[in-house]
Amino acid sequence: MPHILIFLLGAAAAGLTKVVGPILRPVVKGVVKTGIKIGREVQELAAEVSEDLQDVAAEAASELEETPKRRTAKAKAN
């Protein structure tokens, strides 16, 4: 008996999908499009943050390289 019930529920769902499907399709498509847009915006934001971090890292490395040169120059001046 449970197999028949499952079959009937599946048949009802299939029939309901044929009726409701065309109505829900634009809604689902809108949700997917919004997800794609958000994904693209997140990628752009991540690229900007990555670029900013690379700039900060380059500045820090540059400062670290300059520090020993300044110490050497001060030591030679004294």
Protein backbone atom coordinates (compact mmCIF):
# COMPACT_ATOMS: atom_id res chain seq x y z
CA MET A 1 0.00 0.00 0.00
CA PRO A 2 2.77 2.57 0.76
CA HIS A 3 4.12 2.17 -2.80
CA ILE A 4 0.78 3.13 -4.27
CA LEU A 5 0.60 6.18 -2.01
CA ILE A 6 4.09 7.27 -3.04
CA PHE A 7 3.18 6.76 -6.71
CA LEU A 8 0.02 8.83 -6.33
CA LEU A 9 1.92 11.61 -4.56
CA GLY A 10 4.52 11.60 -7.35
CA ALA A 11 1.83 11.71 -10.02
CA ALA A 12 0.10 14.59 -8.24
CA ALA A 13 3.40 16.46 -7.93
CA ALA A 14 4.09 15.94 -11.63
CA GLY A 15 0.65 17.22 -12.54
CA LEU A 16 1.05 20.16 -10.21
CA THR A 17 4.43 20.95 -11.76
CA LYS A 18 2.82 21.17 -15.21
CA VAL A 19 0.29 23.68 -13.89
CA VAL A 20 2.47 25.69 -11.49
CA GLY A 21 5.75 25.35 -13.43
CA PRO A 22 5.10 28.12 -15.95
CA ILE A 23 4.12 30.44 -13.10
CA LEU A 24 7.16 29.65 -10.96
CA ARG A 25 9.71 29.62 -13.79
CA PRO A 26 10.09 33.43 -13.94
CA VAL A 27 10.41 33.56 -10.17
CA VAL A 28 13.11 30.88 -10.12
CA LYS A 29 14.88 32.54 -13.05
CA GLY A 30 14.85 35.86 -11.17
CA VAL A 31 16.35 34.21 -8.10
CA VAL A 32 19.09 32.60 -10.20
CA LYS A 33 19.87 35.91 -11.95
CA THR A 34 20.09 37.66 -8.58
CA GLY A 35 22.45 34.96 -7.33
CA ILE A 36 24.67 35.40 -10.38
CA LYS A 37 24.74 39.19 -9.91
CA ILE A 38 25.65 38.84 -6.24
CA GLY A 39 28.37 36.33 -7.14
CA ARG A 40 29.88 38.75 -9.65
CA GLU A 41 29.80 41.62 -7.16
CA VAL A 42 31.49 39.46 -4.54
CA GLN A 43 34.20 38.53 -7.05
CA GLU A 44 34.81 42.19 -7.86
CA LEU A 45 34.95 43.10 -4.18
CA ALA A 46 37.37 40.24 -3.50
CA ALA A 47 39.60 41.42 -6.35
CA GLU A 48 39.65 44.97 -4.95
CA VAL A 49 40.44 43.76 -1.44
CA SER A 50 43.19 41.50 -2.79
CA GLU A 51 44.70 44.40 -4.72
CA ASP A 52 44.60 46.62 -1.63
CA LEU A 53 46.28 43.92 0.45
CA GLN A 54 48.97 43.47 -2.18
CA ASP A 55 49.61 47.23 -2.13
CA VAL A 56 49.90 47.24 1.67
CA ALA A 57 52.23 44.23 1.58
CA ALA A 58 54.42 45.93 -1.04
CA GLU A 59 54.57 49.11 1.07
CA ALA A 60 55.48 47.13 4.18
CA ALA A 61 58.20 45.21 2.33
CA SER A 62 59.57 48.46 0.95
CA GLU A 63 59.67 49.98 4.43
CA LEU A 64 61.44 46.91 5.80
CA GLU A 65 64.09 47.21 3.09
CA GLU A 66 64.60 50.92 3.81
CA THR A 67 64.99 50.46 7.58
CA PRO A 68 68.39 48.67 7.49
CA LYS A 69 69.68 51.24 4.97
CA ARG A 70 68.74 54.07 7.34
CA ARG A 71 70.40 52.31 10.28
CA THR A 72 73.56 51.78 8.21
CA ALA A 73 73.56 55.43 7.13
CA LYS A 74 73.12 56.62 10.74
CA ALA A 75 75.89 54.32 11.96
CA LYS A 76 78.28 55.63 9.30
CA ALA A 77 77.37 59.24 10.16
CA ASN A 78 78.20 58.72 13.84
